Protein backbone atom coordinates (compact mmCIF):
# COMPACT_ATOMS: atom_id res chain seq x y z
CA MET A 1 -0.01 -0.11 0.28
CA ALA A 2 2.56 2.12 1.09
CA ASN A 3 5.20 1.65 -2.19
CA GLU A 4 1.82 2.38 -4.19
CA LEU A 5 1.01 5.48 -2.70
CA LEU A 6 4.89 6.35 -3.50
CA HIS A 7 4.16 5.69 -7.01
CA LEU A 8 1.05 7.56 -6.95
CA ILE A 9 3.12 10.67 -5.91
CA PHE A 10 6.18 10.50 -7.59
CA LEU A 11 4.41 9.02 -10.88
CA PRO A 12 3.97 12.88 -12.18
CA PHE A 13 7.73 13.62 -11.42
CA LEU A 14 8.67 10.53 -13.15
CA VAL A 15 6.44 11.69 -16.08
CA VAL A 16 7.90 15.10 -16.32
CA ILE A 17 11.35 14.20 -15.60
CA HIS A 18 11.10 11.41 -18.86
CA ILE A 19 9.87 14.30 -20.78
CA LEU A 20 11.97 16.78 -20.09
CA LEU A 21 15.05 13.60 -20.74
CA GLN A 22 13.40 13.23 -24.09
CA ALA A 23 13.29 16.77 -24.92
CA PHE A 24 16.70 17.06 -23.92
CA ASN A 25 17.51 14.45 -26.22
CA VAL A 26 15.85 15.89 -29.08
CA LEU A 27 17.53 18.67 -28.77
CA LEU A 28 21.25 16.91 -28.27
CA TRP A 29 20.14 15.42 -31.79
CA ILE A 30 19.34 18.74 -33.20
CA PHE A 31 22.55 20.68 -31.66
CA TRP A 32 25.21 17.20 -32.67
CA LEU A 33 23.90 16.09 -35.67
CA PRO A 34 25.09 19.48 -37.71
CA ILE A 35 28.39 19.21 -35.90
CA ALA A 36 28.77 15.77 -36.55
CA ILE A 37 28.03 16.23 -40.05
CA PHE A 38 30.25 19.18 -40.04
CA THR A 39 32.87 17.25 -38.54
CA TRP A 40 32.83 14.21 -40.71
CA VAL A 41 32.88 17.01 -44.16
CA ALA A 42 35.77 18.48 -42.62
CA TRP A 43 37.20 15.52 -41.93
CA LEU A 44 36.98 14.12 -45.61
CA LEU A 45 37.85 17.46 -47.01
CA SER A 46 40.75 18.13 -44.98
CA PRO A 47 43.19 17.38 -47.58
CA ILE A 48 42.24 19.97 -49.61
CA ILE A 49 40.51 22.60 -47.02
CA VAL A 50 43.86 22.89 -44.68
CA PRO A 51 46.55 23.70 -47.47
CA ILE A 52 43.67 26.36 -48.53
CA LEU A 53 43.63 27.27 -44.90
CA LEU A 54 47.13 27.62 -44.70
CA VAL A 55 47.61 29.97 -47.42
CA ILE A 56 44.43 31.85 -46.40
CA VAL A 57 46.12 32.74 -43.29
CA ILE A 58 49.64 33.19 -44.80
CA LEU A 59 48.49 35.58 -47.11
CA LEU A 60 46.88 37.49 -43.87
CA ILE A 61 49.98 37.21 -41.88
CA LEU A 62 52.51 38.42 -44.73
CA PRO A 63 52.18 42.21 -44.91
CA TYR A 64 52.75 42.30 -40.96
CA VAL A 65 55.71 40.35 -41.67
CA TRP A 66 56.67 42.40 -44.44
CA HIS A 67 56.24 45.42 -42.14
CA PHE A 68 58.48 43.79 -39.57
CA THR A 69 61.19 42.56 -41.09
CA TRP A 70 61.73 45.87 -43.03
CA SER A 71 61.48 47.88 -39.83
CA LEU A 72 64.13 45.87 -38.04
CA ILE A 73 66.18 46.34 -41.41
CA GLN A 74 65.82 50.04 -41.04
CA LEU A 75 66.41 49.86 -37.94
CA ALA A 76 69.81 47.59 -38.34
CA GLY A 77 70.61 50.33 -40.82
CA ARG A 78 70.35 53.19 -38.43
CA LEU A 79 72.38 51.23 -35.45
CA ILE A 80 74.79 50.90 -38.16
CA VAL A 81 75.13 54.59 -38.79
CA LEU A 82 74.62 55.99 -35.94
CA PRO A 83 78.24 55.95 -34.59
CA PHE A 84 79.39 57.52 -37.84
CA GLU A 85 76.63 60.32 -37.30
CA LEU A 86 77.64 60.76 -33.53
CA PHE A 87 81.40 60.94 -33.99
CA TRP A 88 81.55 61.94 -37.35
CA GLU A 89 84.26 64.97 -37.27
CA PRO A 90 87.12 62.45 -36.94
CA PHE A 91 86.10 60.72 -39.82
CA ALA A 92 86.18 64.24 -41.57
CA TRP A 93 89.70 64.27 -42.93
CA LEU A 94 88.93 60.72 -44.29
CA ILE A 95 86.28 62.40 -46.34
CA ASN A 96 88.21 65.06 -47.09
CA TYR A 97 91.22 63.00 -48.01
CA TYR A 98 88.59 60.81 -50.45
CA GLN A 99 87.16 63.44 -51.79
CA GLY A 100 89.99 65.46 -52.43
CA LYS A 101 92.18 62.35 -54.28
CA LYS A 102 89.26 61.82 -56.44
CA ALA A 103 88.84 65.50 -57.46
CA ARG A 104 92.72 65.54 -58.45
CA SER A 105 92.32 61.77 -60.46
CA GLY A 106 90.13 63.80 -62.52
CA GLY A 107 87.19 61.33 -62.27
CA THR A 108 86.26 59.48 -65.74
CA ARG A 109 86.79 61.75 -68.96
CA LYS A 110 83.62 61.35 -70.56
CA SER A 111 82.81 63.17 -73.97
CA LYS A 112 79.72 64.08 -75.17
CA THR A 113 79.07 64.98 -78.95
CA LYS A 114 76.55 67.58 -80.13
CA LYS A 115 74.68 66.70 -83.06
CA ARG A 116 73.49 69.74 -84.12
CA THR A 117 75.27 73.46 -84.11
CA PRO A 118 74.53 75.46 -81.21
CA SER A 119 72.37 78.67 -81.87
CA ARG A 120 73.13 82.14 -80.96
CA SER A 121 71.93 82.06 -78.01
CA GLN A 122 74.21 79.13 -76.59
CA ALA A 123 77.46 80.46 -75.82
CA THR A 124 78.75 77.03 -75.53
CA ALA A 125 81.43 74.75 -77.82
CA LYS A 126 80.33 71.60 -79.92
CA ARG A 127 82.29 69.42 -78.33
CA SER A 128 82.00 69.75 -74.33
CA ILE A 129 84.18 67.62 -71.85
CA ARG A 130 83.22 67.34 -68.12
CA TYR A 131 84.28 64.78 -65.35
CA GLU A 132 82.06 61.95 -64.01
CA ASP A 133 81.71 62.09 -60.42
CA GLU A 134 79.18 61.29 -57.80
CA TRP A 135 76.91 64.50 -59.30
CA SER A 136 77.31 63.42 -62.61
CA ASP A 137 73.35 63.43 -62.94
CA VAL A 138 73.18 67.03 -62.17
CA GLU A 139 72.82 69.22 -65.06
CA HIS A 140 75.55 72.35 -65.13
CA ASP A 141 73.25 75.01 -65.71
CA GLU A 142 70.94 73.97 -62.20
CA PRO A 143 71.20 76.38 -59.38
CA VAL A 144 73.86 74.78 -56.67
CA SER A 145 74.81 76.55 -53.14
CA TRP A 146 76.96 75.03 -50.64
CA TYR A 147 76.89 75.12 -46.97
CA TYR A 148 79.32 74.33 -44.80
CA THR A 149 78.73 71.57 -41.71
CA ALA A 150 80.16 71.49 -38.02
CA ALA A 151 83.82 69.98 -39.42
CA SER A 152 83.36 73.20 -42.19
CA THR A 153 83.17 70.15 -44.80
CA PRO A 154 81.57 71.93 -47.88
CA VAL A 155 78.68 70.00 -48.67
CA ARG A 156 76.89 70.64 -52.25
CA ALA A 157 72.94 70.68 -51.63
CA ARG A 158 70.91 70.19 -54.69
CA LEU A 159 68.91 72.83 -55.38
CA GLY A 160 65.28 72.57 -57.97
CA ARG A 161 64.35 74.32 -60.79
CA HIS A 162 63.70 77.44 -58.90
CA GLY A 163 66.35 77.02 -56.69
CA SER A 164 64.61 75.55 -53.77
CA ARG A 165 65.85 72.33 -52.03
CA GLY A 166 63.71 69.32 -52.23
């Protein structure tokens, strides 16, 4: 009698628990089945998908790697040049010696032949000879300014068409 009474009391709770478990089982299948299918398909296609994903990741990371590498190269260049920027006065005599030696040697002789005779406004010779140096790409009629650095070494600045730097 007592067992029947307990069954009558707890039977509704057992029914509710059973319904909840069935609902949970249905929900589990609803959510688990697509995940299982996706996992199975991904496993089947992994020889194709994994290299594609790796290429995509590499292409996404490549600009950052390039920027980082270029920054390191620039930093290394600055660190190499820094002692010469800070303590360049002791090396000024060497620079002056080298430039003077190059100027005394006359550089490489280079001749230009003009194909037409000059007009009256041009008072230049038909054949002009000039020497190649580090400024050989600069035309001779371009404005030139000389300014002196801390070690009184004259440095030639390229001036633009109207006499301005840059």
